[in-house]
Amino acid sequence: MNCVIISAALILLAGLLFFEKRESVKGLLATKPLLSFLFIVTALLQTHNNITYFYIIFTGLLLCFAGDICLIFFSNKKVFTSGLGAFLAGHIMYSIAFFKFGETGRLMFAVGAAGLVAGTAIFVLLKSRLGSMAGPVCAYIIIITVMTISAASFKNNGMHNPIGRNLVFAGALLFYISDVFVARHRFVQKQFLNRAIGLPMYYTAQFMIAYSTGLITV
């Protein structure tokens, strides 16, 4: 079943990029909701040995699904802000799950230091272009950085399945990088390159996190 989902996801991703290139809202509505729904299905189809972890992550996935729908209407500031809020809430849920089943260690502190530097640099570079969005974007940068740190703490917990730990950590990093391209597209330069790089990273991250729900037992 996972192979079927991955195959369908790749086809839908290709379609999504095709319609992104053409800036077709109708095309995006025909592909993006279905593609995002697949990472929800992926989580549902796993064997949930840790039901608490599953429920928290599943809530985050649902919030991100809502954010994906909002970002179809990317040029509408109010809808974009709503999407940002949905993703922010989704990141908070991910962070709660990862911290709850993580533990402190060198990797967490290293990622925290790197995240502080990267997040500050990104905000400084964007600040002059943000206008009234400065507050929401700052909050988002903080939360996505915290989520990445939480994923590092999750990876530190050697009691978890190593594949699950690596999926979570890699997924968080890909999510962070994909959001940089979202910011570049919205506030710096609107071009297809941002989508061509960012969207595959984003969906890979979501599927990794969704799949991890079947690998966590403690």
Protein backbone atom coordinates (compact mmCIF):
# COMPACT_ATOMS: atom_id res chain seq x y z
CA MET A 1 0.00 0.00 0.00
CA ASN A 2 2.86 2.39 0.80
CA CYS A 3 4.24 1.83 -2.71
CA VAL A 4 0.87 2.71 -4.20
CA ILE A 5 0.67 5.89 -2.14
CA ILE A 6 4.21 6.92 -3.09
CA SER A 7 3.49 6.31 -6.77
CA ALA A 8 0.29 8.34 -6.60
CA ALA A 9 2.10 11.09 -4.69
CA LEU A 10 4.82 11.34 -7.34
CA ILE A 11 2.23 11.64 -10.11
CA LEU A 12 0.30 14.30 -8.20
CA LEU A 13 3.51 16.17 -7.36
CA ALA A 14 4.42 16.28 -11.04
CA GLY A 15 0.95 17.61 -11.80
CA LEU A 16 1.22 20.15 -8.99
CA LEU A 17 4.52 21.48 -10.32
CA PHE A 18 3.04 21.62 -13.83
CA PHE A 19 0.19 23.82 -12.62
CA GLU A 20 2.49 25.89 -10.39
CA LYS A 21 4.53 26.68 -13.49
CA ARG A 22 1.38 27.89 -15.21
CA GLU A 23 -0.01 29.58 -12.09
CA SER A 24 -3.31 27.77 -12.57
CA VAL A 25 -5.47 27.96 -9.46
CA LYS A 26 -7.90 25.41 -10.91
CA GLY A 27 -5.02 23.03 -11.56
CA LEU A 28 -3.69 23.51 -8.03
CA LEU A 29 -7.13 22.82 -6.60
CA ALA A 30 -7.25 19.60 -8.61
CA THR A 31 -3.88 18.31 -7.39
CA LYS A 32 -2.67 19.87 -4.14
CA PRO A 33 -5.51 18.83 -1.80
CA LEU A 34 -5.27 15.23 -3.05
CA LEU A 35 -1.48 15.17 -2.66
CA SER A 36 -1.67 16.59 0.86
CA PHE A 37 -4.46 14.18 1.76
CA LEU A 38 -2.10 11.31 0.95
CA PHE A 39 0.25 12.13 3.83
CA ILE A 40 -2.77 11.97 6.13
CA VAL A 41 -3.70 8.59 4.66
CA THR A 42 -0.11 7.44 5.12
CA ALA A 43 -0.28 8.17 8.84
CA LEU A 44 -3.66 6.43 9.18
CA LEU A 45 -2.41 3.26 7.49
CA GLN A 46 0.53 2.73 9.84
CA THR A 47 0.44 0.40 12.84
CA HIS A 48 0.19 2.78 15.80
CA ASN A 49 2.10 1.20 18.66
CA ASN A 50 2.41 4.59 20.36
CA ILE A 51 -1.06 6.04 20.11
CA THR A 52 -0.16 9.30 21.88
CA TYR A 53 2.57 10.05 19.37
CA PHE A 54 0.21 9.22 16.52
CA TYR A 55 -2.60 11.50 17.70
CA ILE A 56 -0.30 14.49 18.22
CA ILE A 57 1.40 14.04 14.85
CA PHE A 58 -1.92 13.39 13.12
CA THR A 59 -3.27 16.68 14.46
CA GLY A 60 -0.21 18.42 13.05
CA LEU A 61 -0.75 16.78 9.68
CA LEU A 62 -4.36 17.96 9.58
CA LEU A 63 -3.29 21.52 10.38
CA CYS A 64 -0.67 21.42 7.62
CA PHE A 65 -3.31 20.09 5.24
CA ALA A 66 -5.41 23.17 6.04
CA GLY A 67 -2.35 25.35 5.47
CA ASP A 68 -1.76 23.75 2.08
CA ILE A 69 -5.29 24.64 0.98
CA CYS A 70 -4.81 28.25 2.08
CA LEU A 71 -1.52 28.58 0.20
CA ILE A 72 -3.23 27.72 -3.07
CA PHE A 73 -4.47 31.33 -2.89
CA PHE A 74 -0.91 32.53 -2.32
CA SER A 75 -1.34 36.13 -3.47
CA ASN A 76 -4.23 36.82 -1.07
CA LYS A 77 -2.60 38.29 2.06
CA LYS A 78 -5.39 37.30 4.46
CA VAL A 79 -5.55 33.73 3.19
CA PHE A 80 -1.75 33.49 3.19
CA THR A 81 -1.70 34.66 6.81
CA SER A 82 -4.33 32.04 7.69
CA GLY A 83 -2.19 29.40 6.04
CA LEU A 84 0.82 30.62 7.98
CA GLY A 85 -1.18 30.30 11.18
CA ALA A 86 -2.26 26.76 10.32
CA PHE A 87 1.32 25.71 9.64
CA LEU A 88 2.50 27.42 12.80
CA ALA A 89 -0.03 25.40 14.81
CA GLY A 90 1.04 22.25 12.96
CA HIS A 91 4.67 22.88 13.85
CA ILE A 92 3.69 23.34 17.48
CA MET A 93 2.00 19.93 17.46
CA TYR A 94 5.07 18.33 15.88
CA SER A 95 7.29 20.02 18.45
CA ILE A 96 5.14 18.71 21.32
CA ALA A 97 5.36 15.16 19.95
CA PHE A 98 9.10 15.27 19.34
CA PHE A 99 9.98 16.86 22.67
CA LYS A 100 7.65 14.52 24.55
CA PHE A 101 9.48 11.47 23.21
CA GLY A 102 12.94 13.03 22.89
CA GLU A 103 15.85 13.67 25.20
CA THR A 104 18.56 16.31 25.48
CA GLY A 105 21.97 15.82 23.90
CA ARG A 106 24.72 17.42 21.85
CA LEU A 107 22.80 17.27 18.60
CA MET A 108 19.90 19.21 20.08
CA PHE A 109 22.19 22.01 21.31
CA ALA A 110 24.11 22.09 18.03
CA VAL A 111 20.89 22.35 16.02
CA GLY A 112 19.65 25.02 18.42
CA ALA A 113 22.77 27.13 17.89
CA ALA A 114 22.63 26.69 14.11
CA GLY A 115 18.92 27.45 14.09
CA LEU A 116 19.41 30.64 16.08
CA VAL A 117 22.02 31.90 13.63
CA ALA A 118 20.06 30.85 10.52
CA GLY A 119 16.72 32.16 11.81
CA THR A 120 18.20 35.53 12.77
CA ALA A 121 19.93 35.87 9.40
CA ILE A 122 16.75 34.99 7.49
CA PHE A 123 14.66 37.49 9.43
CA VAL A 124 17.23 40.29 9.02
CA LEU A 125 17.39 39.66 5.27
CA LEU A 126 13.60 39.66 4.94
CA LYS A 127 12.70 42.39 7.43
CA SER A 128 12.65 45.31 5.00
CA ARG A 129 10.26 43.39 2.73
CA LEU A 130 7.82 42.11 5.35
CA GLY A 131 5.86 45.20 6.35
CA SER A 132 2.88 44.20 8.53
CA MET A 133 3.87 40.55 8.13
CA ALA A 134 7.02 41.01 10.23
CA GLY A 135 5.35 39.75 13.43
CA PRO A 136 3.77 36.59 11.97
CA VAL A 137 6.92 35.73 10.03
CA CYS A 138 9.11 36.22 13.12
CA ALA A 139 6.80 33.93 15.12
CA TYR A 140 6.89 31.37 12.34
CA ILE A 141 10.70 31.39 12.18
CA ILE A 142 10.84 30.83 15.93
CA ILE A 143 8.40 27.93 15.83
CA ILE A 144 9.99 26.17 12.83
CA THR A 145 13.36 26.51 14.57
CA VAL A 146 11.92 25.03 17.77
CA MET A 147 10.44 22.18 15.75
CA THR A 148 13.85 21.41 14.27
CA ILE A 149 15.41 21.44 17.72
CA SER A 150 12.67 19.12 18.98
CA ALA A 151 13.36 16.74 16.09
CA ALA A 152 17.02 16.69 17.13
CA SER A 153 15.97 15.79 20.68
CA PHE A 154 13.80 13.03 19.25
CA LYS A 155 16.78 11.66 17.31
CA ASN A 156 18.80 11.71 20.56
CA ASN A 157 16.48 9.15 22.14
CA GLY A 158 18.14 5.83 21.36
CA MET A 159 15.09 3.87 22.53
CA HIS A 160 13.27 4.74 19.31
CA ASN A 161 13.53 2.81 16.07
CA PRO A 162 16.59 4.30 14.28
CA ILE A 163 14.69 4.57 11.00
CA GLY A 164 11.92 6.51 12.75
CA ARG A 165 14.42 8.83 14.43
CA ASN A 166 16.18 9.54 11.16
CA LEU A 167 12.91 10.11 9.30
CA VAL A 168 11.79 12.66 11.87
CA PHE A 169 15.08 14.54 11.93
CA ALA A 170 15.55 14.56 8.16
CA GLY A 171 11.89 15.52 7.72
CA ALA A 172 12.25 18.49 10.06
CA LEU A 173 15.34 19.74 8.22
CA LEU A 174 13.64 19.41 4.84
CA PHE A 175 10.59 21.23 6.20
CA TYR A 176 12.78 24.09 7.40
CA ILE A 177 14.55 24.43 4.05
CA SER A 178 11.28 24.22 2.11
CA ASP A 179 9.90 27.09 4.18
CA VAL A 180 12.90 29.21 3.21
CA PHE A 181 11.80 28.82 -0.41
CA VAL A 182 8.22 29.71 0.52
CA ALA A 183 9.53 32.92 2.12
CA ARG A 184 11.71 33.66 -0.89
CA HIS A 185 8.74 33.17 -3.22
CA ARG A 186 6.42 35.36 -1.15
CA PHE A 187 8.75 38.16 -0.08
CA VAL A 188 11.85 38.21 -2.32
CA GLN A 189 11.30 36.91 -5.85
CA LYS A 190 8.28 35.04 -7.17
CA GLN A 191 9.60 32.39 -9.53
CA PHE A 192 8.95 28.76 -10.35
CA LEU A 193 12.40 27.73 -9.09
CA ASN A 194 11.20 28.26 -5.52
CA ARG A 195 8.34 25.82 -6.10
CA ALA A 196 10.44 23.31 -8.03
CA ILE A 197 12.85 23.02 -5.09
CA GLY A 198 10.60 23.71 -2.13
CA LEU A 199 7.55 21.58 -2.89
CA PRO A 200 9.37 18.23 -3.31
CA MET A 201 11.22 18.94 -0.06
CA TYR A 202 8.02 19.82 1.75
CA TYR A 203 6.09 16.74 0.67
CA THR A 204 9.05 14.45 1.34
CA ALA A 205 9.19 15.90 4.86
CA GLN A 206 5.48 15.38 5.49
CA PHE A 207 5.53 11.79 4.28
CA MET A 208 8.60 11.07 6.42
CA ILE A 209 6.88 12.43 9.52
CA ALA A 210 3.63 10.62 8.69
CA TYR A 211 5.45 7.32 8.17
CA SER A 212 7.26 7.71 11.50
CA THR A 213 3.94 7.17 13.31
CA GLY A 214 4.26 3.46 12.57
CA LEU A 215 7.82 3.17 13.83
CA ILE A 216 7.59 4.63 17.34
CA THR A 217 6.84 2.13 20.08
CA VAL A 218 7.93 3.82 23.34
